[in-house]
Amino acid sequence: MLIIGIAGGTGSGKTTVARSVIDRLGTDKVTFISQDNYYKDHSHLDMEARAEINYDHPLAFDNDLLIEHLSLLKTGKPASAPVYDFTVHARSTSHTIELQPNNIVIIEGLHVLSDEKLREQLNIKVFVDTDPDVRIMRRVLRDIEERGRTIRSINTQYLTTVKPMHEAFIEPSKKYADLIIPEGGQNEVGIELLSVLTAKYLSGDQQWNSAGRN
């Protein structure tokens, strides 16, 4: 099994890169995991307390559960990933995502490269590097359209947690990347390169295996 981790700041285009690679390889050959679904559950707290949590800190994620699920996939067993509802800051009580074992697993998320234990699970480490102005505009649109946020709440969150956490944890994690893809989904060359590398693994390329990427 080849596990690819794709990290980057909010709105950088991580999901677009992941989906583009999957489209090139075939959806039947890749299992996709979003780190966003592994936010720690806060359903035991009231809404006011949930809203005060720093969701941009690495410790906001239940990476132990994510690693446990990766271990299951490696042994050929399926796993049930949680579904996180951003409108209420809690995991869904009625839905899960069934993850099936596959030759390729792609994980994307803010802190995929920030956590050492998670980083050790990865065969290919990718960082999507996009201009901050582009990223914040994408986040504004997403949070309004998909998460029911107001401009004021988005601005407050960006200044108090998103920007500081990016500078403290996400940007420094770029040093661990094997491949940096500037401008995310707009970078066809970077996406094609990652796709070709992954396809070599699928084809059983001997040079790839001799390099220890198996």
N, C-alpha and C. Protein backbone atom coordinates (compact mmCIF):
# COMPACT_ATOMS: atom_id res chain seq x y z
N MET A 1 0.85 -1.20 0.00
CA MET A 1 0.00 0.00 0.00
C MET A 1 0.88 1.25 0.00
N LEU A 2 0.53 2.20 -0.85
CA LEU A 2 1.23 3.49 -0.93
C LEU A 2 0.34 4.54 -0.31
N ILE A 3 0.87 5.26 0.70
CA ILE A 3 0.08 6.29 1.38
C ILE A 3 0.68 7.66 1.06
N ILE A 4 -0.15 8.52 0.47
CA ILE A 4 0.26 9.87 0.08
C ILE A 4 -0.41 10.87 1.00
N GLY A 5 0.38 11.76 1.59
CA GLY A 5 -0.17 12.82 2.42
C GLY A 5 -0.06 14.16 1.73
N ILE A 6 -1.16 14.89 1.67
CA ILE A 6 -1.18 16.20 1.01
C ILE A 6 -1.58 17.26 2.04
N ALA A 7 -0.64 18.14 2.37
CA ALA A 7 -0.88 19.20 3.36
C ALA A 7 -0.84 20.56 2.68
N GLY A 8 -1.17 21.59 3.47
CA GLY A 8 -1.16 22.96 2.96
C GLY A 8 -2.13 23.81 3.75
N GLY A 9 -2.04 25.10 3.59
CA GLY A 9 -2.91 26.02 4.32
C GLY A 9 -4.35 25.94 3.89
N THR A 10 -5.21 26.58 4.66
CA THR A 10 -6.63 26.62 4.33
C THR A 10 -6.84 27.25 2.96
N GLY A 11 -7.65 26.61 2.12
CA GLY A 11 -7.94 27.15 0.80
C GLY A 11 -6.80 27.03 -0.20
N SER A 12 -5.79 26.22 0.10
CA SER A 12 -4.62 26.14 -0.79
C SER A 12 -4.89 25.29 -2.04
N GLY A 13 -5.89 24.43 -1.97
CA GLY A 13 -6.19 23.57 -3.11
C GLY A 13 -5.80 22.12 -2.89
N LYS A 14 -5.68 21.72 -1.62
CA LYS A 14 -5.29 20.35 -1.28
C LYS A 14 -6.26 19.32 -1.85
N THR A 15 -7.55 19.58 -1.64
CA THR A 15 -8.57 18.64 -2.11
C THR A 15 -8.59 18.58 -3.62
N THR A 16 -8.42 19.72 -4.27
CA THR A 16 -8.40 19.74 -5.74
C THR A 16 -7.24 18.91 -6.28
N VAL A 17 -6.06 19.05 -5.66
CA VAL A 17 -4.91 18.25 -6.08
C VAL A 17 -5.21 16.77 -5.89
N ALA A 18 -5.73 16.41 -4.72
CA ALA A 18 -6.03 15.01 -4.44
C ALA A 18 -7.04 14.45 -5.44
N ARG A 19 -8.10 15.19 -5.69
CA ARG A 19 -9.15 14.72 -6.61
C ARG A 19 -8.61 14.61 -8.04
N SER A 20 -7.73 15.53 -8.41
CA SER A 20 -7.16 15.50 -9.76
C SER A 20 -6.30 14.25 -9.96
N VAL A 21 -5.51 13.90 -8.93
CA VAL A 21 -4.69 12.68 -9.00
C VAL A 21 -5.59 11.45 -9.08
N ILE A 22 -6.64 11.43 -8.27
CA ILE A 22 -7.57 10.29 -8.27
C ILE A 22 -8.24 10.14 -9.64
N ASP A 23 -8.63 11.26 -10.24
CA ASP A 23 -9.25 11.21 -11.56
C ASP A 23 -8.31 10.61 -12.60
N ARG A 24 -7.03 10.92 -12.47
CA ARG A 24 -6.05 10.40 -13.42
C ARG A 24 -5.79 8.90 -13.22
N LEU A 25 -5.81 8.45 -11.97
CA LEU A 25 -5.48 7.06 -11.68
C LEU A 25 -6.68 6.13 -11.74
N GLY A 26 -7.85 6.70 -11.46
CA GLY A 26 -9.07 5.89 -11.41
C GLY A 26 -9.58 5.78 -9.99
N THR A 27 -10.85 6.10 -9.78
CA THR A 27 -11.42 6.12 -8.44
C THR A 27 -11.40 4.75 -7.78
N ASP A 28 -11.38 3.70 -8.58
CA ASP A 28 -11.37 2.34 -8.01
C ASP A 28 -10.00 1.96 -7.46
N LYS A 29 -8.99 2.73 -7.77
CA LYS A 29 -7.61 2.39 -7.35
C LYS A 29 -7.15 3.18 -6.14
N VAL A 30 -7.95 4.15 -5.69
CA VAL A 30 -7.50 5.06 -4.63
C VAL A 30 -8.57 5.18 -3.54
N THR A 31 -8.13 5.13 -2.29
CA THR A 31 -8.98 5.46 -1.15
C THR A 31 -8.62 6.86 -0.66
N PHE A 32 -9.64 7.72 -0.60
CA PHE A 32 -9.42 9.12 -0.22
C PHE A 32 -9.86 9.35 1.22
N ILE A 33 -9.00 10.02 2.00
CA ILE A 33 -9.32 10.34 3.39
C ILE A 33 -9.10 11.84 3.62
N SER A 34 -10.11 12.51 4.16
CA SER A 34 -9.98 13.91 4.53
C SER A 34 -9.72 14.01 6.03
N GLN A 35 -8.63 14.67 6.40
CA GLN A 35 -8.32 14.84 7.81
C GLN A 35 -9.40 15.64 8.52
N ASP A 36 -10.13 16.46 7.78
CA ASP A 36 -11.21 17.26 8.37
C ASP A 36 -12.23 16.41 9.11
N ASN A 37 -12.45 15.18 8.65
CA ASN A 37 -13.43 14.31 9.30
C ASN A 37 -12.93 13.75 10.62
N TYR A 38 -11.65 13.99 10.90
CA TYR A 38 -11.07 13.46 12.14
C TYR A 38 -10.87 14.54 13.19
N TYR A 39 -11.63 15.64 13.08
CA TYR A 39 -11.65 16.58 14.20
C TYR A 39 -12.19 15.85 15.43
N LYS A 40 -11.63 16.17 16.58
CA LYS A 40 -12.11 15.56 17.81
C LYS A 40 -13.58 15.93 18.04
N ASP A 41 -14.32 14.99 18.59
CA ASP A 41 -15.75 15.21 18.80
C ASP A 41 -15.98 16.10 20.03
N HIS A 42 -16.84 17.10 19.87
CA HIS A 42 -17.13 18.01 20.97
C HIS A 42 -18.63 18.08 21.24
N SER A 43 -19.33 17.00 20.95
CA SER A 43 -20.78 16.98 21.12
C SER A 43 -21.19 17.10 22.60
N HIS A 44 -20.26 16.82 23.52
CA HIS A 44 -20.57 16.91 24.95
C HIS A 44 -20.54 18.36 25.44
N LEU A 45 -20.07 19.29 24.61
CA LEU A 45 -20.01 20.70 24.99
C LEU A 45 -21.19 21.46 24.40
N ASP A 46 -21.54 22.59 25.03
CA ASP A 46 -22.59 23.42 24.44
C ASP A 46 -22.00 24.20 23.27
N MET A 47 -22.86 24.81 22.47
CA MET A 47 -22.41 25.46 21.24
C MET A 47 -21.45 26.61 21.52
N GLU A 48 -21.66 27.33 22.60
CA GLU A 48 -20.78 28.45 22.93
C GLU A 48 -19.36 27.95 23.21
N ALA A 49 -19.26 26.84 23.93
CA ALA A 49 -17.94 26.28 24.24
C ALA A 49 -17.29 25.71 22.98
N ARG A 50 -18.07 25.09 22.12
CA ARG A 50 -17.53 24.54 20.87
C ARG A 50 -16.94 25.64 20.00
N ALA A 51 -17.62 26.79 19.97
CA ALA A 51 -17.18 27.90 19.12
C ALA A 51 -15.87 28.50 19.59
N GLU A 52 -15.49 28.27 20.85
CA GLU A 52 -14.28 28.83 21.41
C GLU A 52 -13.03 27.97 21.14
N ILE A 53 -13.23 26.77 20.63
CA ILE A 53 -12.11 25.85 20.41
C ILE A 53 -11.26 26.30 19.22
N ASN A 54 -9.96 26.13 19.35
CA ASN A 54 -9.04 26.45 18.25
C ASN A 54 -8.98 25.26 17.29
N TYR A 55 -9.74 25.34 16.23
CA TYR A 55 -9.83 24.23 15.27
C TYR A 55 -8.66 24.21 14.29
N ASP A 56 -7.77 25.17 14.38
CA ASP A 56 -6.63 25.23 13.47
C ASP A 56 -5.34 24.73 14.11
N HIS A 57 -5.43 24.30 15.36
CA HIS A 57 -4.27 23.75 16.06
C HIS A 57 -4.15 22.25 15.74
N PRO A 58 -2.94 21.73 15.63
CA PRO A 58 -2.77 20.29 15.35
C PRO A 58 -3.50 19.38 16.33
N LEU A 59 -3.60 19.81 17.59
CA LEU A 59 -4.24 18.98 18.60
C LEU A 59 -5.76 18.93 18.48
N ALA A 60 -6.32 19.70 17.54
CA ALA A 60 -7.77 19.65 17.31
C ALA A 60 -8.17 18.37 16.59
N PHE A 61 -7.18 17.66 16.05
CA PHE A 61 -7.46 16.46 15.27
C PHE A 61 -7.20 15.18 16.06
N ASP A 62 -8.03 14.19 15.82
CA ASP A 62 -7.85 12.88 16.44
C ASP A 62 -7.00 12.01 15.51
N ASN A 63 -5.71 12.33 15.47
CA ASN A 63 -4.82 11.61 14.57
C ASN A 63 -4.57 10.17 15.02
N ASP A 64 -4.76 9.90 16.32
CA ASP A 64 -4.62 8.52 16.79
C ASP A 64 -5.66 7.63 16.12
N LEU A 65 -6.89 8.14 16.00
CA LEU A 65 -7.94 7.38 15.32
C LEU A 65 -7.62 7.22 13.84
N LEU A 66 -7.11 8.28 13.22
CA LEU A 66 -6.74 8.22 11.81
C LEU A 66 -5.65 7.17 11.58
N ILE A 67 -4.64 7.15 12.44
CA ILE A 67 -3.56 6.17 12.31
C ILE A 67 -4.10 4.76 12.54
N GLU A 68 -5.03 4.62 13.48
CA GLU A 68 -5.66 3.31 13.73
C GLU A 68 -6.37 2.82 12.47
N HIS A 69 -7.06 3.73 11.79
CA HIS A 69 -7.77 3.36 10.56
C HIS A 69 -6.79 3.00 9.44
N LEU A 70 -5.67 3.71 9.37
CA LEU A 70 -4.65 3.37 8.38
C LEU A 70 -4.09 1.97 8.65
N SER A 71 -3.92 1.63 9.91
CA SER A 71 -3.43 0.30 10.26
C SER A 71 -4.40 -0.78 9.81
N LEU A 72 -5.69 -0.52 9.97
CA LEU A 72 -6.70 -1.47 9.50
C LEU A 72 -6.63 -1.65 7.99
N LEU A 73 -6.52 -0.54 7.28
CA LEU A 73 -6.45 -0.60 5.81
C LEU A 73 -5.21 -1.37 5.36
N LYS A 74 -4.11 -1.18 6.06
CA LYS A 74 -2.87 -1.88 5.69
C LYS A 74 -3.00 -3.39 5.83
N THR A 75 -3.84 -3.83 6.75
CA THR A 75 -4.04 -5.27 6.96
C THR A 75 -5.18 -5.81 6.12
N GLY A 76 -5.70 -4.97 5.22
CA GLY A 76 -6.76 -5.42 4.32
C GLY A 76 -8.16 -5.34 4.90
N LYS A 77 -8.31 -4.61 6.01
CA LYS A 77 -9.62 -4.49 6.65
C LYS A 77 -10.21 -3.10 6.41
N PRO A 78 -11.52 -2.99 6.26
CA PRO A 78 -12.14 -1.68 6.08
C PRO A 78 -12.18 -0.91 7.40
N ALA A 79 -12.43 0.38 7.32
CA ALA A 79 -12.56 1.22 8.51
C ALA A 79 -13.72 2.19 8.31
N SER A 80 -14.35 2.59 9.40
CA SER A 80 -15.46 3.54 9.34
C SER A 80 -15.00 4.90 9.85
N ALA A 81 -14.77 5.82 8.93
CA ALA A 81 -14.32 7.16 9.29
C ALA A 81 -15.50 8.00 9.77
N PRO A 82 -15.29 8.85 10.76
CA PRO A 82 -16.37 9.74 11.19
C PRO A 82 -16.66 10.79 10.13
N VAL A 83 -17.83 11.40 10.24
CA VAL A 83 -18.20 12.53 9.38
C VAL A 83 -18.37 13.73 10.29
N TYR A 84 -17.63 14.80 10.01
CA TYR A 84 -17.67 15.97 10.88
C TYR A 84 -18.60 17.03 10.30
N ASP A 85 -19.49 17.52 11.14
CA ASP A 85 -20.46 18.55 10.73
C ASP A 85 -19.97 19.91 11.23
N PHE A 86 -19.47 20.73 10.32
CA PHE A 86 -18.89 22.01 10.70
C PHE A 86 -19.93 23.03 11.14
N THR A 87 -21.18 22.81 10.79
CA THR A 87 -22.23 23.76 11.17
C THR A 87 -22.54 23.68 12.66
N VAL A 88 -22.25 22.53 13.29
CA VAL A 88 -22.52 22.36 14.72
C VAL A 88 -21.26 21.98 15.51
N HIS A 89 -20.11 21.93 14.83
CA HIS A 89 -18.83 21.60 15.48
C HIS A 89 -18.90 20.26 16.21
N ALA A 90 -19.38 19.23 15.53
CA ALA A 90 -19.47 17.91 16.15
C ALA A 90 -19.53 16.84 15.07
N ARG A 91 -19.22 15.61 15.46
CA ARG A 91 -19.33 14.50 14.53
C ARG A 91 -20.79 14.11 14.33
N SER A 92 -21.09 13.68 13.14
CA SER A 92 -22.43 13.19 12.85
C SER A 92 -22.70 11.92 13.65
N THR A 93 -23.89 11.81 14.17
CA THR A 93 -24.27 10.61 14.92
C THR A 93 -24.96 9.59 14.03
N SER A 94 -25.22 9.97 12.78
CA SER A 94 -25.97 9.07 11.90
C SER A 94 -25.21 8.63 10.66
N HIS A 95 -24.04 9.25 10.40
CA HIS A 95 -23.31 8.93 9.17
C HIS A 95 -21.84 8.64 9.45
N THR A 96 -21.29 7.71 8.70
CA THR A 96 -19.85 7.46 8.68
C THR A 96 -19.44 7.26 7.22
N ILE A 97 -18.14 7.26 6.97
CA ILE A 97 -17.63 7.01 5.62
C ILE A 97 -16.88 5.68 5.65
N GLU A 98 -17.30 4.76 4.81
CA GLU A 98 -16.64 3.46 4.78
C GLU A 98 -15.38 3.52 3.92
N LEU A 99 -14.25 3.31 4.56
CA LEU A 99 -12.96 3.30 3.87
C LEU A 99 -12.58 1.87 3.53
N GLN A 100 -12.31 1.63 2.25
CA GLN A 100 -11.97 0.29 1.80
C GLN A 100 -10.46 0.18 1.55
N PRO A 101 -9.86 -0.97 1.85
CA PRO A 101 -8.44 -1.17 1.55
C PRO A 101 -8.18 -1.00 0.06
N ASN A 102 -7.04 -0.42 -0.27
CA ASN A 102 -6.72 -0.18 -1.67
C ASN A 102 -5.21 -0.09 -1.83
N ASN A 103 -4.75 -0.13 -3.07
CA ASN A 103 -3.31 -0.01 -3.34
C ASN A 103 -2.77 1.38 -2.99
N ILE A 104 -3.64 2.38 -3.18
CA ILE A 104 -3.25 3.77 -2.94
C ILE A 104 -4.21 4.41 -1.93
N VAL A 105 -3.65 5.10 -0.95
CA VAL A 105 -4.45 5.90 -0.01
C VAL A 105 -3.93 7.33 -0.06
N ILE A 106 -4.84 8.28 -0.25
CA ILE A 106 -4.47 9.70 -0.24
C ILE A 106 -5.15 10.37 0.95
N ILE A 107 -4.35 11.00 1.80
CA ILE A 107 -4.86 11.75 2.94
C ILE A 107 -4.57 13.22 2.71
N GLU A 108 -5.60 14.08 2.82
CA GLU A 108 -5.33 15.51 2.70
C GLU A 108 -5.85 16.23 3.93
N GLY A 109 -5.12 17.27 4.33
CA GLY A 109 -5.55 18.04 5.48
C GLY A 109 -4.52 19.07 5.91
N LEU A 110 -4.94 19.99 6.74
CA LEU A 110 -4.07 21.07 7.19
C LEU A 110 -2.79 20.55 7.83
N HIS A 111 -2.94 19.57 8.72
CA HIS A 111 -1.81 19.15 9.54
C HIS A 111 -1.34 17.73 9.25
N VAL A 112 -1.47 17.31 8.02
CA VAL A 112 -1.02 15.97 7.65
C VAL A 112 0.49 15.82 7.84
N LEU A 113 1.24 16.92 7.66
CA LEU A 113 2.70 16.86 7.82
C LEU A 113 3.17 17.42 9.16
N SER A 114 2.26 17.97 9.97
CA SER A 114 2.65 18.58 11.23
C SER A 114 2.88 17.56 12.33
N ASP A 115 2.14 16.46 12.26
CA ASP A 115 2.19 15.43 13.30
C ASP A 115 3.22 14.36 12.94
N GLU A 116 4.21 14.17 13.77
CA GLU A 116 5.29 13.23 13.46
C GLU A 116 4.79 11.80 13.32
N LYS A 117 3.89 11.38 14.21
CA LYS A 117 3.37 10.01 14.14
C LYS A 117 2.61 9.77 12.85
N LEU A 118 1.83 10.75 12.42
CA LEU A 118 1.10 10.61 11.16
C LEU A 118 2.06 10.68 9.98
N ARG A 119 3.03 11.57 10.07
CA ARG A 119 4.01 11.74 8.99
C ARG A 119 4.76 10.44 8.73
N GLU A 120 5.01 9.68 9.79
CA GLU A 120 5.73 8.42 9.63
C GLU A 120 4.95 7.37 8.85
N GLN A 121 3.65 7.57 8.72
CA GLN A 121 2.81 6.63 7.98
C GLN A 121 2.85 6.87 6.47
N LEU A 122 3.43 8.00 6.07
CA LEU A 122 3.35 8.44 4.67
C LEU A 122 4.53 7.98 3.84
N ASN A 123 4.25 7.55 2.61
CA ASN A 123 5.30 7.20 1.65
C ASN A 123 5.69 8.39 0.78
N ILE A 124 4.72 9.21 0.44
CA ILE A 124 4.97 10.44 -0.33
C ILE A 124 4.33 11.59 0.43
N LYS A 125 5.12 12.64 0.70
CA LYS A 125 4.64 13.80 1.45
C LYS A 125 4.61 15.01 0.51
N VAL A 126 3.41 15.61 0.40
CA VAL A 126 3.19 16.71 -0.55
C VAL A 126 2.72 17.94 0.21
N PHE A 127 3.22 19.11 -0.19
CA PHE A 127 2.75 20.38 0.38
C PHE A 127 2.24 21.26 -0.76
N VAL A 128 1.01 21.72 -0.63
CA VAL A 128 0.41 22.60 -1.63
C VAL A 128 0.60 24.04 -1.16
N ASP A 129 1.36 24.82 -1.91
CA ASP A 129 1.80 26.15 -1.50
C ASP A 129 1.11 27.21 -2.36
N THR A 130 0.16 27.93 -1.76
CA THR A 130 -0.65 28.89 -2.51
C THR A 130 -0.62 30.25 -1.83
N ASP A 131 -0.67 31.31 -2.61
CA ASP A 131 -0.62 32.68 -2.11
C ASP A 131 -1.68 32.92 -1.02
N PRO A 132 -1.31 33.56 0.09
CA PRO A 132 -2.24 33.78 1.20
C PRO A 132 -3.52 34.52 0.80
N ASP A 133 -3.42 35.51 -0.10
CA ASP A 133 -4.61 36.25 -0.52
C ASP A 133 -5.61 35.35 -1.22
N VAL A 134 -5.10 34.44 -2.04
CA VAL A 134 -5.97 33.50 -2.74
C VAL A 134 -6.62 32.55 -1.73
N ARG A 135 -5.83 32.09 -0.78
CA ARG A 135 -6.34 31.14 0.21
C ARG A 135 -7.46 31.73 1.07
N ILE A 136 -7.28 32.96 1.53
CA ILE A 136 -8.28 33.55 2.41
C ILE A 136 -9.58 33.81 1.65
N MET A 137 -9.49 34.24 0.39
CA MET A 137 -10.71 34.47 -0.39
C MET A 137 -11.47 33.16 -0.61
N ARG A 138 -10.74 32.10 -0.87
CA ARG A 138 -11.40 30.79 -1.02
C ARG A 138 -12.07 30.37 0.27
N ARG A 139 -11.40 30.63 1.40
CA ARG A 139 -11.97 30.26 2.69
C ARG A 139 -13.24 31.05 2.98
N VAL A 140 -13.23 32.33 2.68
CA VAL A 140 -14.41 33.17 2.90
C VAL A 140 -15.61 32.60 2.15
N LEU A 141 -15.41 32.31 0.87
CA LEU A 141 -16.51 31.77 0.07
C LEU A 141 -16.98 30.43 0.60
N ARG A 142 -16.05 29.55 0.94
CA ARG A 142 -16.42 28.22 1.44
C ARG A 142 -17.18 28.31 2.75
N ASP A 143 -16.69 29.12 3.68
CA ASP A 143 -17.31 29.18 5.00
C ASP A 143 -18.70 29.80 4.96
N ILE A 144 -18.90 30.74 4.05
CA ILE A 144 -20.23 31.35 3.90
C ILE A 144 -21.19 30.36 3.24
N GLU A 145 -20.75 29.76 2.14
CA GLU A 145 -21.64 28.92 1.34
C GLU A 145 -21.88 27.54 1.94
N GLU A 146 -20.84 26.96 2.58
CA GLU A 146 -20.96 25.58 3.04
C GLU A 146 -21.10 25.43 4.54
N ARG A 147 -20.66 26.41 5.31
CA ARG A 147 -20.63 26.25 6.76
C ARG A 147 -21.46 27.28 7.52
N GLY A 148 -22.19 28.12 6.76
CA GLY A 148 -23.12 29.05 7.38
C GLY A 148 -22.49 30.12 8.24
N ARG A 149 -21.25 30.51 7.95
CA ARG A 149 -20.56 31.51 8.76
C ARG A 149 -20.84 32.92 8.25
N THR A 150 -20.60 33.90 9.11
CA THR A 150 -20.70 35.31 8.72
C THR A 150 -19.31 35.86 8.42
N ILE A 151 -19.27 36.96 7.68
CA ILE A 151 -17.99 37.60 7.37
C ILE A 151 -17.26 37.97 8.66
N ARG A 152 -17.99 38.48 9.64
CA ARG A 152 -17.38 38.91 10.89
C ARG A 152 -16.74 37.71 11.62
N SER A 153 -17.44 36.60 11.68
CA SER A 153 -16.90 35.43 12.38
C SER A 153 -15.69 34.85 11.64
N ILE A 154 -15.74 34.88 10.30
CA ILE A 154 -14.61 34.39 9.50
C ILE A 154 -13.39 35.27 9.73
N ASN A 155 -13.60 36.58 9.75
CA ASN A 155 -12.49 37.52 9.97
C ASN A 155 -11.87 37.32 11.35
N THR A 156 -12.72 37.18 12.37
CA THR A 156 -12.21 36.98 13.74
C THR A 156 -11.42 35.69 13.84
N GLN A 157 -11.96 34.61 13.27
CA GLN A 157 -11.28 33.32 13.33
C GLN A 157 -9.96 33.37 12.58
N TYR A 158 -9.94 34.02 11.44
CA TYR A 158 -8.72 34.09 10.64
C TYR A 158 -7.60 34.79 11.41
N LEU A 159 -7.92 35.92 12.05
CA LEU A 159 -6.91 36.71 12.74
C LEU A 159 -6.45 36.07 14.05
N THR A 160 -7.37 35.37 14.73
CA THR A 160 -7.04 34.83 16.05
C THR A 160 -6.46 33.42 16.01
N THR A 161 -6.87 32.61 15.04
CA THR A 161 -6.38 31.22 15.01
C THR A 161 -5.81 30.78 13.66
N VAL A 162 -6.51 31.07 12.57
CA VAL A 162 -6.09 30.53 11.27
C VAL A 162 -4.69 31.02 10.88
N LYS A 163 -4.50 32.32 10.87
CA LYS A 163 -3.21 32.88 10.46
C LYS A 163 -2.09 32.50 11.44
N PRO A 164 -2.29 32.67 12.76
CA PRO A 164 -1.22 32.28 13.69
C PRO A 164 -0.86 30.79 13.62
N MET A 165 -1.85 29.93 13.48
CA MET A 165 -1.58 28.49 13.42
C MET A 165 -0.88 28.11 12.11
N HIS A 166 -1.23 28.82 11.04
CA HIS A 166 -0.56 28.57 9.76
C HIS A 166 0.93 28.89 9.89
N GLU A 167 1.20 30.04 10.49
CA GLU A 167 2.59 30.48 10.62
C GLU A 167 3.38 29.60 11.61
N ALA A 168 2.70 29.11 12.65
CA ALA A 168 3.39 28.33 13.68
C ALA A 168 3.57 26.87 13.32
N PHE A 169 2.61 26.29 12.58
CA PHE A 169 2.64 24.85 12.36
C PHE A 169 2.61 24.42 10.88
N ILE A 170 1.71 25.01 10.11
CA ILE A 170 1.51 24.52 8.74
C ILE A 170 2.66 24.91 7.83
N GLU A 171 3.01 26.18 7.80
CA GLU A 171 4.11 26.63 6.94
C GLU A 171 5.43 25.92 7.29
N PRO A 172 5.78 25.77 8.58
CA PRO A 172 7.01 25.03 8.90
C PRO A 172 6.99 23.57 8.47
N SER A 173 5.80 22.97 8.37
CA SER A 173 5.73 21.56 7.99
C SER A 173 6.11 21.34 6.53
N LYS A 174 6.24 22.41 5.77
CA LYS A 174 6.63 22.31 4.36
C LYS A 174 8.01 21.68 4.22
N LYS A 175 8.85 21.82 5.23
CA LYS A 175 10.21 21.28 5.15
C LYS A 175 10.23 19.76 5.08
N TYR A 176 9.12 19.12 5.47
CA TYR A 176 9.06 17.66 5.44
C TYR A 176 8.58 17.12 4.09
N ALA A 177 8.16 18.01 3.19
CA ALA A 177 7.56 17.57 1.93
C ALA A 177 8.59 17.00 0.96
N ASP A 178 8.20 15.92 0.28
CA ASP A 178 9.01 15.39 -0.82
C ASP A 178 8.74 16.18 -2.09
N LEU A 179 7.53 16.72 -2.18
CA LEU A 179 7.11 17.44 -3.38
C LEU A 179 6.28 18.66 -2.97
N ILE A 180 6.64 19.84 -3.46
CA ILE A 180 5.88 21.06 -3.22
C ILE A 180 5.19 21.47 -4.51
N ILE A 181 3.87 21.65 -4.43
CA ILE A 181 3.09 22.02 -5.61
C ILE A 181 2.55 23.44 -5.42
N PRO A 182 3.17 24.43 -6.05
CA PRO A 182 2.67 25.80 -5.95
C PRO A 182 1.31 25.96 -6.64
N GLU A 183 0.45 26.76 -6.06
CA GLU A 183 -0.84 27.14 -6.64
C GLU A 183 -1.82 25.98 -6.80
N GLY A 184 -1.59 24.89 -6.11
CA GLY A 184 -2.58 23.82 -6.01
C GLY A 184 -3.12 23.29 -7.31
N GLY A 185 -4.45 23.33 -7.42
CA GLY A 185 -5.14 22.76 -8.56
C GLY A 185 -4.83 23.42 -9.89
N GLN A 186 -4.21 24.59 -9.85
CA GLN A 186 -3.84 25.29 -11.08
C GLN A 186 -2.53 24.76 -11.67
N ASN A 187 -1.82 23.97 -10.88
CA ASN A 187 -0.49 23.51 -11.30
C ASN A 187 -0.60 22.13 -11.95
N GLU A 188 -0.88 22.10 -13.23
CA GLU A 188 -1.07 20.84 -13.95
C GLU A 188 0.21 20.02 -13.99
N VAL A 189 1.36 20.69 -14.06
CA VAL A 189 2.63 19.96 -14.12
C VAL A 189 2.88 19.22 -12.80
N GLY A 190 2.66 19.90 -11.68
CA GLY A 190 2.85 19.28 -10.38
C GLY A 190 1.91 18.11 -10.16
N ILE A 191 0.66 18.29 -10.54
CA ILE A 191 -0.34 17.22 -10.40
C ILE A 191 0.02 16.03 -11.28
N GLU A 192 0.47 16.32 -12.50
CA GLU A 192 0.84 15.24 -13.42
C GLU A 192 2.06 14.48 -12.89
N LEU A 193 3.01 15.20 -12.32
CA LEU A 193 4.20 14.56 -11.76
C LEU A 193 3.82 13.62 -10.62
N LEU A 194 2.97 14.08 -9.72
CA LEU A 194 2.52 13.24 -8.61
C LEU A 194 1.75 12.03 -9.12
N SER A 195 0.95 12.24 -10.14
CA SER A 195 0.17 11.14 -10.73
C SER A 195 1.09 10.10 -11.37
N VAL A 196 2.11 10.56 -12.07
CA VAL A 196 3.05 9.64 -12.72
C VAL A 196 3.82 8.83 -11.69
N LEU A 197 4.27 9.49 -10.61
CA LEU A 197 4.98 8.78 -9.55
C LEU A 197 4.10 7.69 -8.94
N THR A 198 2.83 8.03 -8.73
CA THR A 198 1.91 7.07 -8.14
C THR A 198 1.60 5.93 -9.10
N ALA A 199 1.47 6.26 -10.37
CA ALA A 199 1.20 5.24 -11.38
C ALA A 199 2.36 4.25 -11.49
N LYS A 200 3.59 4.73 -11.29
CA LYS A 200 4.75 3.84 -11.31
C LYS A 200 4.63 2.78 -10.22
N TYR A 201 4.15 3.21 -9.05
CA TYR A 201 3.96 2.25 -7.96
C TYR A 201 2.90 1.22 -8.34
N LEU A 202 1.80 1.69 -8.91
CA LEU A 202 0.72 0.78 -9.30
C LEU A 202 1.17 -0.24 -10.33
N SER A 203 2.09 0.17 -11.20
CA SER A 203 2.56 -0.72 -12.26
C SER A 203 3.63 -1.68 -11.78
N GLY A 204 4.06 -1.55 -10.51
CA GLY A 204 5.09 -2.42 -9.97
C GLY A 204 6.47 -2.06 -10.46
N ASP A 205 6.71 -0.79 -10.76
CA ASP A 205 8.00 -0.34 -11.27
C ASP A 205 9.13 -0.76 -10.34
N GLN A 206 10.12 -1.46 -10.84
CA GLN A 206 11.20 -2.02 -10.02
C GLN A 206 12.09 -0.94 -9.43
N GLN A 207 12.33 0.15 -10.16
CA GLN A 207 13.14 1.23 -9.63
C GLN A 207 12.46 1.86 -8.41
N TRP A 208 11.14 1.97 -8.48
CA TRP A 208 10.38 2.52 -7.35
C TRP A 208 10.52 1.61 -6.13
N ASN A 209 10.34 0.30 -6.35
CA ASN A 209 10.41 -0.63 -5.24
C ASN A 209 11.81 -0.68 -4.63
N SER A 210 12.85 -0.60 -5.47
CA SER A 210 14.22 -0.66 -4.97
C SER A 210 14.57 0.57 -4.15
N ALA A 211 13.80 1.67 -4.35
CA ALA A 211 14.03 2.89 -3.60
C ALA A 211 13.35 2.84 -2.22
N GLY A 212 12.65 1.74 -1.97
CA GLY A 212 12.05 1.57 -0.65
C GLY A 212 10.67 2.17 -0.53
N ARG A 213 10.02 2.51 -1.65
CA ARG A 213 8.71 3.11 -1.59
C ARG A 213 7.62 2.05 -1.80
N ASN A 214 7.71 0.94 -1.13
CA ASN A 214 6.70 -0.10 -1.32
C ASN A 214 5.94 -0.37 -0.03
